[in-house]
Structure formats: C-alpha cells, structure tokens
Amino acid sequence: MSKSLFVRGIFLLALSAGAAQAQSTTRTLPNADVVTNQRSDSNGVYNDQRNVTTPAGGSLTNDRTVGNGQYTDTRSGTNAKGGSFTNQRTVAKGSYTDDRTVDRANGATYNSQRVASAGKGGTHSWSGTTAAGRSFSGSRTVR
C-alpha cells in the first residue's frame, strides 16, 4: 500500500468518526441576490445556515439542524417594504411543532401554532389582525 493511499484512508476514517467538517460559500444569483451558506457536520449533527440579501433591501435567514433524532428549521425574513416573518419547525421523538408569525407593512399580522404528537393527534391555533384593524382567531383539534 502506498503512503499516499494510507494517509487518505486515515483521513477518511477520521471524517467518518465524527470529526468536524465545515464549508462556507457565497454566490451572487442572476437576479443580484447574494446567498451565503455555511454548512457543518460534527458528531452526527448537520447544520446549514443560509443568508440571502436582495438588492431591494430584503433578507432571508434559514438555519437547519439535523441530528440526534431531531430536525429543526428556523426561518426569518424581511422585505423592502417593511414586512417580516418568522417560522420555526421542529420534529423530534414523535412530535411536531410549527410556530409562525407574519407582520405586513400595511399593519396586518398573523400568528399560528401547530403541535402534533404521533398517535395523539394535534392542534392548530391562529390569530391575527387585518390591515383594517379587525381581529380574528381560531383553533382546530385533530384526533
């Protein structure tokens, strides 16, 4: 066995044993959006952080983590007109949660929460205010 092949084998073994890996990239899309990705993998936990900025002043952040029996996806963004949103989803050990908020530049708001458990059904509740100032809310249970 050559020394080079032996060294590559040791390197690959170290990577598969949980050694941390990281990768960062930045690119500009044809529409002039700038996308930055930072990915890492350490001890069986994968993380992907993405940031996008638009020429008009909008932004998006997305952070995903997968590992140890759990998946989490957190997103937030703003647009050039002043609207914003957040969304966090988590799946772990047979349960699912999804929390969302939206704030529009015209004053409208929306909030939502979904929760589900394997074999137990789930709930979805929501509330908000229209641009005209009217409040609304509701909920639903699924068994």
Foldseek 3Di string as FASTA:
>chain_A
DDPVVVVVVVVVVVVVVFDKDKDWDWDADPQRKIKIWIWMTGNFKIKIWIWIAHPLGKIKIWIWIDGPQKIKIWMKMAGSLGKIKIWIWMDGDQKIKIWMWIADSLGKIKTKIWIQGVPPWIKIKMWIADSVGDIDIDMDTDD
